[in-house]
Amino acid sequence: MIKSLLSTLANIPLPRIILLNISGVIVCFLMIQHVGGYPPCDLCIQEQKIYYFGFLIALVADLSTRNHNSYWSTRLLLMTLGLLMFFNMTISVIHVGIECGIWEKNAICMNNSKIESITSTVDLLTQMEQENIPSCNKTTLYVLGLSLAFWNIIVSFFLSFITSIAMLKISRKK
C-alpha cells in the first residue's frame, strides 16, 4: 500500500506539488488572519503578496507542463518562481531580524500610526475606528516556538529548492 502511494506521488509533476504547497500556505495565512484574528503587519502583507504572485506563476507553470513543446516557458516560469521565493525568504530574514531587534523597524516596516497628527477628539475617534496594523517587531503568534516569519523562511527555502529541482528535471527531459 505504501509502495503504491509512493509510486503515485512520484508520478505527480513537481509544478503541481509546488502549486499545492503555495495554495496551502495561502489558506493557512488567511485562516490565521480571518479565523484566528491575528492582523498582519506591513512586512507580513508584503510576504503574502509574493505568495499570491507565486500562485499565479505556479498555476501557469503547471498548465505549461502539459504541453511538451513549451518546456522553455516552463523553465522560465519555474526560474521566476524560484527567484520570487528566494526574495520572499530574504524579506522574511529581514522580518525575523526586526522581531529579534537586530534591525530597526523605522526604515523597513512602515506602521501607519499617526499619533502626531491627532489634534482633536474627532481625529482621535477616527484614528480609533481605523484598522490597527500591528508593529513588525511585536510577534503575537508562535507555532512550535517559532514566529510565523521564521516559518516563512523555512517554507520559502523549501519552495525555492523544490522549484530548482523541478527546473532541473524539466531540463533533463528535453
N, C-alpha and C. Protein backbone atom coordinates (compact mmCIF):
# COMPACT_ATOMS: atom_id res chain seq x y z
N MET A 1 0.81 -1.19 0.00
CA MET A 1 0.00 0.00 0.00
C MET A 1 0.86 1.26 0.00
N ILE A 2 1.88 1.27 0.85
CA ILE A 2 2.76 2.44 0.90
C ILE A 2 3.55 2.55 -0.39
N LYS A 3 3.95 1.40 -0.94
CA LYS A 3 4.70 1.42 -2.19
C LYS A 3 3.85 1.98 -3.33
N SER A 4 2.58 1.63 -3.38
CA SER A 4 1.71 2.16 -4.43
C SER A 4 1.45 3.65 -4.23
N LEU A 5 1.36 4.09 -2.97
CA LEU A 5 1.18 5.51 -2.70
C LEU A 5 2.41 6.30 -3.14
N LEU A 6 3.59 5.77 -2.84
CA LEU A 6 4.82 6.45 -3.25
C LEU A 6 4.97 6.49 -4.76
N SER A 7 4.58 5.42 -5.43
CA SER A 7 4.67 5.43 -6.89
C SER A 7 3.67 6.41 -7.49
N THR A 8 2.51 6.56 -6.85
CA THR A 8 1.54 7.55 -7.31
C THR A 8 2.07 8.96 -7.10
N LEU A 9 2.69 9.20 -5.95
CA LEU A 9 3.27 10.52 -5.68
C LEU A 9 4.43 10.83 -6.61
N ALA A 10 5.17 9.81 -7.01
CA ALA A 10 6.30 10.03 -7.92
C ALA A 10 5.83 10.46 -9.30
N ASN A 11 4.60 10.11 -9.66
CA ASN A 11 4.08 10.48 -10.98
C ASN A 11 3.45 11.87 -11.01
N ILE A 12 3.28 12.51 -9.86
CA ILE A 12 2.72 13.86 -9.83
C ILE A 12 3.81 14.84 -10.25
N PRO A 13 3.54 15.70 -11.21
CA PRO A 13 4.56 16.66 -11.63
C PRO A 13 4.90 17.64 -10.50
N LEU A 14 6.18 17.98 -10.41
CA LEU A 14 6.62 18.89 -9.35
C LEU A 14 5.95 20.26 -9.39
N PRO A 15 5.69 20.84 -10.57
CA PRO A 15 4.97 22.13 -10.55
C PRO A 15 3.60 22.04 -9.88
N ARG A 16 2.94 20.90 -9.98
CA ARG A 16 1.66 20.74 -9.31
C ARG A 16 1.85 20.65 -7.79
N ILE A 17 2.90 19.98 -7.36
CA ILE A 17 3.20 19.91 -5.92
C ILE A 17 3.53 21.30 -5.39
N ILE A 18 4.28 22.08 -6.17
CA ILE A 18 4.59 23.45 -5.77
C ILE A 18 3.32 24.28 -5.68
N LEU A 19 2.45 24.12 -6.66
CA LEU A 19 1.17 24.84 -6.67
C LEU A 19 0.33 24.48 -5.44
N LEU A 20 0.29 23.21 -5.09
CA LEU A 20 -0.48 22.79 -3.92
C LEU A 20 0.12 23.34 -2.63
N ASN A 21 1.45 23.37 -2.54
CA ASN A 21 2.10 23.92 -1.35
C ASN A 21 1.82 25.41 -1.21
N ILE A 22 1.92 26.15 -2.30
CA ILE A 22 1.64 27.59 -2.24
C ILE A 22 0.17 27.82 -1.88
N SER A 23 -0.72 27.01 -2.43
CA SER A 23 -2.14 27.12 -2.08
C SER A 23 -2.35 26.86 -0.59
N GLY A 24 -1.66 25.87 -0.06
CA GLY A 24 -1.77 25.57 1.37
C GLY A 24 -1.28 26.70 2.24
N VAL A 25 -0.19 27.35 1.82
CA VAL A 25 0.33 28.49 2.58
C VAL A 25 -0.67 29.64 2.56
N ILE A 26 -1.26 29.90 1.40
CA ILE A 26 -2.25 30.98 1.29
C ILE A 26 -3.45 30.69 2.18
N VAL A 27 -3.93 29.45 2.17
CA VAL A 27 -5.06 29.08 3.02
C VAL A 27 -4.69 29.24 4.49
N CYS A 28 -3.48 28.84 4.86
CA CYS A 28 -3.05 28.96 6.26
C CYS A 28 -3.01 30.41 6.72
N PHE A 29 -2.38 31.30 5.93
CA PHE A 29 -2.31 32.66 6.45
C PHE A 29 -3.65 33.38 6.39
N LEU A 30 -4.54 32.99 5.48
CA LEU A 30 -5.88 33.58 5.50
C LEU A 30 -6.69 33.07 6.71
N MET A 31 -6.50 31.80 7.07
CA MET A 31 -7.17 31.27 8.26
C MET A 31 -6.64 31.93 9.53
N ILE A 32 -5.34 32.14 9.60
CA ILE A 32 -4.75 32.80 10.77
C ILE A 32 -5.29 34.22 10.89
N GLN A 33 -5.44 34.91 9.77
CA GLN A 33 -5.94 36.28 9.79
C GLN A 33 -7.42 36.35 10.13
N HIS A 34 -8.23 35.62 9.39
CA HIS A 34 -9.67 35.81 9.48
C HIS A 34 -10.35 34.94 10.53
N VAL A 35 -9.85 33.75 10.76
CA VAL A 35 -10.44 32.89 11.78
C VAL A 35 -9.75 33.10 13.12
N GLY A 36 -8.41 33.15 13.08
CA GLY A 36 -7.66 33.34 14.32
C GLY A 36 -7.68 34.76 14.85
N GLY A 37 -7.92 35.72 13.96
CA GLY A 37 -8.00 37.11 14.40
C GLY A 37 -6.65 37.78 14.59
N TYR A 38 -5.61 37.30 13.93
CA TYR A 38 -4.29 37.91 14.03
C TYR A 38 -4.07 38.81 12.82
N PRO A 39 -4.10 40.13 12.98
CA PRO A 39 -3.88 41.00 11.83
C PRO A 39 -2.41 40.99 11.41
N PRO A 40 -2.13 41.06 10.11
CA PRO A 40 -0.74 41.04 9.65
C PRO A 40 -0.10 42.43 9.74
N CYS A 41 1.21 42.45 9.94
CA CYS A 41 1.95 43.71 9.91
C CYS A 41 2.29 44.03 8.45
N ASP A 42 3.00 45.15 8.24
CA ASP A 42 3.31 45.57 6.88
C ASP A 42 4.20 44.56 6.14
N LEU A 43 5.21 44.03 6.83
CA LEU A 43 6.08 43.04 6.17
C LEU A 43 5.33 41.74 5.91
N CYS A 44 4.42 41.37 6.79
CA CYS A 44 3.61 40.17 6.55
C CYS A 44 2.77 40.33 5.29
N ILE A 45 2.22 41.53 5.10
CA ILE A 45 1.41 41.78 3.91
C ILE A 45 2.27 41.68 2.66
N GLN A 46 3.51 42.19 2.72
CA GLN A 46 4.41 42.08 1.57
C GLN A 46 4.74 40.62 1.28
N GLU A 47 4.97 39.84 2.32
CA GLU A 47 5.26 38.42 2.14
C GLU A 47 4.06 37.68 1.56
N GLN A 48 2.85 38.08 1.96
CA GLN A 48 1.65 37.44 1.44
C GLN A 48 1.42 37.76 -0.03
N LYS A 49 1.72 38.98 -0.43
CA LYS A 49 1.55 39.35 -1.84
C LYS A 49 2.44 38.50 -2.73
N ILE A 50 3.62 38.17 -2.26
CA ILE A 50 4.53 37.34 -3.04
C ILE A 50 3.92 35.95 -3.26
N TYR A 51 3.23 35.43 -2.26
CA TYR A 51 2.58 34.13 -2.43
C TYR A 51 1.44 34.21 -3.44
N TYR A 52 0.73 35.32 -3.49
CA TYR A 52 -0.32 35.47 -4.50
C TYR A 52 0.27 35.46 -5.91
N PHE A 53 1.35 36.22 -6.10
CA PHE A 53 2.02 36.21 -7.41
C PHE A 53 2.59 34.83 -7.71
N GLY A 54 3.16 34.20 -6.69
CA GLY A 54 3.71 32.86 -6.86
C GLY A 54 2.65 31.84 -7.23
N PHE A 55 1.45 32.00 -6.68
CA PHE A 55 0.35 31.09 -7.04
C PHE A 55 0.03 31.20 -8.52
N LEU A 56 -0.04 32.43 -9.03
CA LEU A 56 -0.35 32.61 -10.45
C LEU A 56 0.75 32.03 -11.33
N ILE A 57 2.01 32.27 -10.96
CA ILE A 57 3.13 31.74 -11.75
C ILE A 57 3.14 30.21 -11.69
N ALA A 58 2.90 29.64 -10.51
CA ALA A 58 2.88 28.18 -10.38
C ALA A 58 1.72 27.56 -11.15
N LEU A 59 0.59 28.25 -11.18
CA LEU A 59 -0.55 27.76 -11.95
C LEU A 59 -0.23 27.72 -13.44
N VAL A 60 0.37 28.78 -13.95
CA VAL A 60 0.73 28.81 -15.37
C VAL A 60 1.82 27.78 -15.66
N ALA A 61 2.78 27.62 -14.74
CA ALA A 61 3.83 26.62 -14.94
C ALA A 61 3.25 25.21 -14.94
N ASP A 62 2.29 24.96 -14.07
CA ASP A 62 1.65 23.64 -14.05
C ASP A 62 0.89 23.38 -15.33
N LEU A 63 0.20 24.39 -15.82
CA LEU A 63 -0.53 24.23 -17.09
C LEU A 63 0.42 24.07 -18.27
N SER A 64 1.58 24.72 -18.21
CA SER A 64 2.52 24.62 -19.33
C SER A 64 3.26 23.29 -19.35
N THR A 65 3.26 22.55 -18.23
CA THR A 65 3.91 21.22 -18.25
C THR A 65 3.11 20.23 -19.08
N ARG A 66 1.85 20.50 -19.30
CA ARG A 66 1.03 19.59 -20.11
C ARG A 66 1.36 19.68 -21.59
N ASN A 67 1.90 20.82 -22.01
CA ASN A 67 2.33 20.99 -23.39
C ASN A 67 3.83 20.71 -23.45
N HIS A 68 4.21 19.61 -24.07
CA HIS A 68 5.61 19.20 -24.06
C HIS A 68 6.49 20.08 -24.95
N ASN A 69 5.89 20.90 -25.80
CA ASN A 69 6.68 21.79 -26.65
C ASN A 69 7.05 23.10 -25.96
N SER A 70 6.46 23.37 -24.82
CA SER A 70 6.71 24.65 -24.15
C SER A 70 7.60 24.48 -22.92
N TYR A 71 8.60 23.61 -23.00
CA TYR A 71 9.42 23.39 -21.82
C TYR A 71 10.31 24.59 -21.51
N TRP A 72 10.62 25.42 -22.51
CA TRP A 72 11.40 26.63 -22.24
C TRP A 72 10.59 27.62 -21.41
N SER A 73 9.33 27.76 -21.75
CA SER A 73 8.50 28.67 -20.96
C SER A 73 8.28 28.11 -19.56
N THR A 74 8.17 26.80 -19.44
CA THR A 74 8.03 26.20 -18.12
C THR A 74 9.27 26.44 -17.28
N ARG A 75 10.43 26.28 -17.89
CA ARG A 75 11.68 26.54 -17.17
C ARG A 75 11.78 28.00 -16.76
N LEU A 76 11.39 28.91 -17.64
CA LEU A 76 11.43 30.33 -17.32
C LEU A 76 10.47 30.66 -16.17
N LEU A 77 9.28 30.08 -16.21
CA LEU A 77 8.31 30.30 -15.13
C LEU A 77 8.82 29.73 -13.81
N LEU A 78 9.41 28.55 -13.85
CA LEU A 78 9.93 27.96 -12.62
C LEU A 78 11.12 28.74 -12.08
N MET A 79 11.96 29.26 -12.98
CA MET A 79 13.09 30.08 -12.54
C MET A 79 12.58 31.36 -11.88
N THR A 80 11.56 31.97 -12.48
CA THR A 80 10.96 33.17 -11.90
C THR A 80 10.35 32.86 -10.53
N LEU A 81 9.68 31.74 -10.43
CA LEU A 81 9.07 31.35 -9.16
C LEU A 81 10.14 31.08 -8.10
N GLY A 82 11.22 30.43 -8.49
CA GLY A 82 12.30 30.17 -7.54
C GLY A 82 12.94 31.46 -7.04
N LEU A 83 13.15 32.41 -7.95
CA LEU A 83 13.70 33.70 -7.53
C LEU A 83 12.72 34.47 -6.65
N LEU A 84 11.45 34.35 -6.95
CA LEU A 84 10.42 35.01 -6.14
C LEU A 84 10.40 34.43 -4.73
N MET A 85 10.51 33.12 -4.60
CA MET A 85 10.53 32.50 -3.28
C MET A 85 11.82 32.84 -2.53
N PHE A 86 12.93 32.97 -3.26
CA PHE A 86 14.18 33.39 -2.63
C PHE A 86 14.06 34.83 -2.12
N PHE A 87 13.42 35.69 -2.90
CA PHE A 87 13.17 37.07 -2.48
C PHE A 87 12.26 37.09 -1.25
N ASN A 88 11.26 36.23 -1.22
CA ASN A 88 10.37 36.14 -0.07
C ASN A 88 11.14 35.67 1.17
N MET A 89 12.07 34.75 0.97
CA MET A 89 12.89 34.29 2.07
C MET A 89 13.75 35.43 2.61
N THR A 90 14.26 36.28 1.72
CA THR A 90 15.06 37.43 2.13
C THR A 90 14.23 38.42 2.95
N ILE A 91 13.01 38.69 2.50
CA ILE A 91 12.13 39.58 3.26
C ILE A 91 11.83 38.97 4.64
N SER A 92 11.67 37.66 4.70
CA SER A 92 11.39 37.01 5.98
C SER A 92 12.59 37.06 6.91
N VAL A 93 13.79 36.96 6.36
CA VAL A 93 15.00 37.10 7.18
C VAL A 93 15.05 38.51 7.79
N ILE A 94 14.74 39.51 6.99
CA ILE A 94 14.68 40.88 7.50
C ILE A 94 13.60 41.00 8.57
N HIS A 95 12.46 40.36 8.35
CA HIS A 95 11.36 40.40 9.31
C HIS A 95 11.77 39.76 10.64
N VAL A 96 12.43 38.61 10.58
CA VAL A 96 12.90 37.96 11.80
C VAL A 96 13.95 38.83 12.48
N GLY A 97 14.80 39.49 11.69
CA GLY A 97 15.79 40.40 12.27
C GLY A 97 15.15 41.56 13.00
N ILE A 98 14.06 42.06 12.47
CA ILE A 98 13.32 43.14 13.14
C ILE A 98 12.66 42.60 14.42
N GLU A 99 12.11 41.39 14.35
CA GLU A 99 11.48 40.80 15.54
C GLU A 99 12.49 40.57 16.65
N CYS A 100 13.71 40.18 16.29
CA CYS A 100 14.74 39.90 17.29
C CYS A 100 15.49 41.16 17.73
N GLY A 101 15.23 42.28 17.09
CA GLY A 101 15.89 43.53 17.46
C GLY A 101 17.23 43.74 16.78
N ILE A 102 17.53 42.99 15.74
CA ILE A 102 18.80 43.16 15.02
C ILE A 102 18.75 44.41 14.16
N TRP A 103 17.62 44.65 13.50
CA TRP A 103 17.46 45.83 12.66
C TRP A 103 16.38 46.73 13.24
N GLU A 104 16.49 48.00 12.93
CA GLU A 104 15.46 48.95 13.34
C GLU A 104 14.26 48.83 12.41
N LYS A 105 13.09 49.03 12.95
CA LYS A 105 11.89 48.88 12.13
C LYS A 105 11.52 50.15 11.39
N ASN A 106 12.07 51.32 11.75
CA ASN A 106 11.62 52.58 11.15
C ASN A 106 11.86 52.61 9.64
N ALA A 107 12.99 52.17 9.18
CA ALA A 107 13.32 52.28 7.76
C ALA A 107 12.60 51.23 6.93
N ILE A 108 12.29 50.10 7.50
CA ILE A 108 11.78 49.00 6.72
C ILE A 108 10.28 48.79 6.93
N CYS A 109 9.86 48.76 8.17
CA CYS A 109 8.45 48.49 8.48
C CYS A 109 7.74 49.80 8.74
N MET A 110 6.85 50.14 7.86
CA MET A 110 6.10 51.38 7.99
C MET A 110 4.79 51.10 8.70
N ASN A 111 4.70 51.50 9.94
CA ASN A 111 3.45 51.38 10.68
C ASN A 111 2.65 52.64 10.43
N ASN A 112 1.39 52.51 10.12
CA ASN A 112 0.60 53.67 9.74
C ASN A 112 -0.03 54.37 10.95
N SER A 113 0.62 54.32 12.07
CA SER A 113 0.13 55.02 13.25
C SER A 113 0.42 56.51 13.10
N LYS A 114 -0.60 57.31 13.23
CA LYS A 114 -0.46 58.75 13.03
C LYS A 114 -0.80 59.48 14.33
N ILE A 115 -0.11 59.15 15.39
CA ILE A 115 -0.39 59.76 16.69
C ILE A 115 -0.05 61.24 16.67
N GLU A 116 1.00 61.62 15.94
CA GLU A 116 1.40 63.03 15.90
C GLU A 116 0.37 63.91 15.22
N SER A 117 -0.45 63.33 14.35
CA SER A 117 -1.42 64.14 13.60
C SER A 117 -2.74 64.32 14.34
N ILE A 118 -2.88 63.72 15.51
CA ILE A 118 -4.13 63.86 16.27
C ILE A 118 -4.12 65.20 16.99
N THR A 119 -5.08 66.05 16.62
CA THR A 119 -5.16 67.38 17.24
C THR A 119 -6.49 67.62 17.94
N SER A 120 -7.47 66.78 17.68
CA SER A 120 -8.77 66.97 18.31
C SER A 120 -9.38 65.62 18.65
N THR A 121 -10.50 65.66 19.33
CA THR A 121 -11.17 64.41 19.68
C THR A 121 -11.76 63.72 18.46
N VAL A 122 -12.12 64.50 17.44
CA VAL A 122 -12.64 63.91 16.20
C VAL A 122 -11.54 63.10 15.52
N ASP A 123 -10.31 63.66 15.49
CA ASP A 123 -9.18 62.93 14.92
C ASP A 123 -8.89 61.67 15.72
N LEU A 124 -9.01 61.77 17.04
CA LEU A 124 -8.77 60.61 17.89
C LEU A 124 -9.80 59.51 17.63
N LEU A 125 -11.05 59.88 17.50
CA LEU A 125 -12.10 58.89 17.23
C LEU A 125 -11.95 58.25 15.85
N THR A 126 -11.60 59.03 14.85
CA THR A 126 -11.42 58.45 13.51
C THR A 126 -10.20 57.53 13.49
N GLN A 127 -9.15 57.88 14.24
CA GLN A 127 -7.96 57.03 14.32
C GLN A 127 -8.31 55.71 15.02
N MET A 128 -9.15 55.77 16.03
CA MET A 128 -9.53 54.56 16.76
C MET A 128 -10.43 53.65 15.93
N GLU A 129 -11.22 54.23 15.03
CA GLU A 129 -12.11 53.43 14.18
C GLU A 129 -11.37 52.71 13.07
N GLN A 130 -10.22 53.25 12.67
CA GLN A 130 -9.46 52.63 11.59
C GLN A 130 -8.84 51.33 12.08
N GLU A 131 -8.56 50.47 11.12
CA GLU A 131 -7.95 49.19 11.45
C GLU A 131 -6.53 49.43 11.93
N ASN A 132 -6.18 48.82 13.03
CA ASN A 132 -4.85 49.00 13.60
C ASN A 132 -3.91 47.92 13.08
N ILE A 133 -2.88 48.33 12.36
CA ILE A 133 -1.89 47.39 11.84
C ILE A 133 -0.80 47.24 12.89
N PRO A 134 -0.52 46.01 13.32
CA PRO A 134 0.47 45.82 14.38
C PRO A 134 1.88 46.15 13.90
N SER A 135 2.74 46.39 14.85
CA SER A 135 4.13 46.69 14.54
C SER A 135 4.86 45.41 14.12
N CYS A 136 5.89 45.56 13.30
CA CYS A 136 6.62 44.40 12.78
C CYS A 136 7.50 43.74 13.84
N ASN A 137 7.82 44.46 14.91
CA ASN A 137 8.72 43.87 15.91
C ASN A 137 7.97 43.20 17.06
N LYS A 138 6.67 43.18 17.02
CA LYS A 138 5.88 42.53 18.07
C LYS A 138 5.21 41.28 17.51
N THR A 139 5.73 40.14 17.90
CA THR A 139 5.18 38.86 17.44
C THR A 139 4.10 38.40 18.41
N THR A 140 2.94 38.09 17.87
CA THR A 140 1.84 37.66 18.73
C THR A 140 1.56 36.18 18.64
N LEU A 141 2.02 35.51 17.60
CA LEU A 141 1.72 34.10 17.42
C LEU A 141 3.00 33.32 17.16
N TYR A 142 3.22 32.31 17.98
CA TYR A 142 4.34 31.39 17.80
C TYR A 142 3.79 30.00 17.55
N VAL A 143 4.37 29.30 16.60
CA VAL A 143 4.00 27.92 16.31
C VAL A 143 5.24 27.07 16.53
N LEU A 144 5.15 26.15 17.48
CA LEU A 144 6.27 25.29 17.87
C LEU A 144 7.50 26.12 18.26
N GLY A 145 7.26 27.24 18.91
CA GLY A 145 8.34 28.09 19.40
C GLY A 145 8.94 29.02 18.38
N LEU A 146 8.44 29.02 17.16
CA LEU A 146 8.98 29.88 16.10
C LEU A 146 7.90 30.85 15.63
N SER A 147 8.32 32.06 15.29
CA SER A 147 7.37 33.04 14.77
C SER A 147 6.96 32.65 13.35
N LEU A 148 5.87 33.23 12.90
CA LEU A 148 5.40 32.92 11.54
C LEU A 148 6.38 33.41 10.49
N ALA A 149 7.10 34.49 10.77
CA ALA A 149 8.11 34.97 9.82
C ALA A 149 9.25 33.95 9.69
N PHE A 150 9.61 33.31 10.81
CA PHE A 150 10.65 32.27 10.74
C PHE A 150 10.15 31.05 9.97
N TRP A 151 8.89 30.69 10.17
CA TRP A 151 8.31 29.59 9.40
C TRP A 151 8.27 29.94 7.91
N ASN A 152 8.08 31.21 7.61
CA ASN A 152 8.07 31.63 6.21
C ASN A 152 9.45 31.46 5.59
N ILE A 153 10.51 31.66 6.37
CA ILE A 153 11.87 31.40 5.86
C ILE A 153 11.99 29.94 5.45
N ILE A 154 11.53 29.05 6.31
CA ILE A 154 11.64 27.61 6.05
C ILE A 154 10.81 27.22 4.82
N VAL A 155 9.57 27.70 4.76
CA VAL A 155 8.69 27.35 3.64
C VAL A 155 9.21 27.93 2.33
N SER A 156 9.69 29.18 2.36
CA SER A 156 10.20 29.80 1.14
C SER A 156 11.46 29.09 0.65
N PHE A 157 12.33 28.68 1.58
CA PHE A 157 13.52 27.92 1.18
C PHE A 157 13.12 26.59 0.56
N PHE A 158 12.17 25.91 1.19
CA PHE A 158 11.69 24.62 0.67
C PHE A 158 11.11 24.79 -0.74
N LEU A 159 10.28 25.80 -0.93
CA LEU A 159 9.67 26.02 -2.24
C LEU A 159 10.71 26.42 -3.28
N SER A 160 11.68 27.22 -2.89
CA SER A 160 12.75 27.60 -3.81
C SER A 160 13.58 26.37 -4.21
N PHE A 161 13.85 25.50 -3.25
CA PHE A 161 14.61 24.28 -3.51
C PHE A 161 13.84 23.33 -4.42
N ILE A 162 12.57 23.11 -4.14
CA ILE A 162 11.74 22.22 -4.97
C ILE A 162 11.59 22.79 -6.37
N THR A 163 11.49 24.11 -6.48
CA THR A 163 11.39 24.74 -7.80
C THR A 163 12.66 24.52 -8.60
N SER A 164 13.82 24.58 -7.93
CA SER A 164 15.08 24.31 -8.62
C SER A 164 15.15 22.87 -9.10
N ILE A 165 14.69 21.95 -8.28
CA ILE A 165 14.67 20.54 -8.68
C ILE A 165 13.74 20.34 -9.87
N ALA A 166 12.57 20.98 -9.83
CA ALA A 166 11.62 20.86 -10.94
C ALA A 166 12.21 21.41 -12.23
N MET A 167 12.93 22.52 -12.12
CA MET A 167 13.55 23.11 -13.30
C MET A 167 14.61 22.18 -13.88
N LEU A 168 15.39 21.54 -13.01
CA LEU A 168 16.41 20.60 -13.48
C LEU A 168 15.78 19.36 -14.11
N LYS A 169 14.69 18.87 -13.53
CA LYS A 169 14.01 17.70 -14.11
C LYS A 169 13.46 18.01 -15.49
N ILE A 170 12.91 19.20 -15.66
CA ILE A 170 12.37 19.57 -16.97
C ILE A 170 13.51 19.75 -17.97
N SER A 171 14.66 20.25 -17.51
CA SER A 171 15.81 20.41 -18.41
C SER A 171 16.34 19.06 -18.87
N ARG A 172 16.31 18.07 -18.01
CA ARG A 172 16.82 16.75 -18.37
C ARG A 172 15.89 16.00 -19.31
N LYS A 173 14.61 16.32 -19.26
CA LYS A 173 13.66 15.63 -20.15
C LYS A 173 13.87 16.03 -21.60
N LYS A 174 14.34 17.23 -21.84
CA LYS A 174 14.47 17.72 -23.21
C LYS A 174 15.88 17.66 -23.69
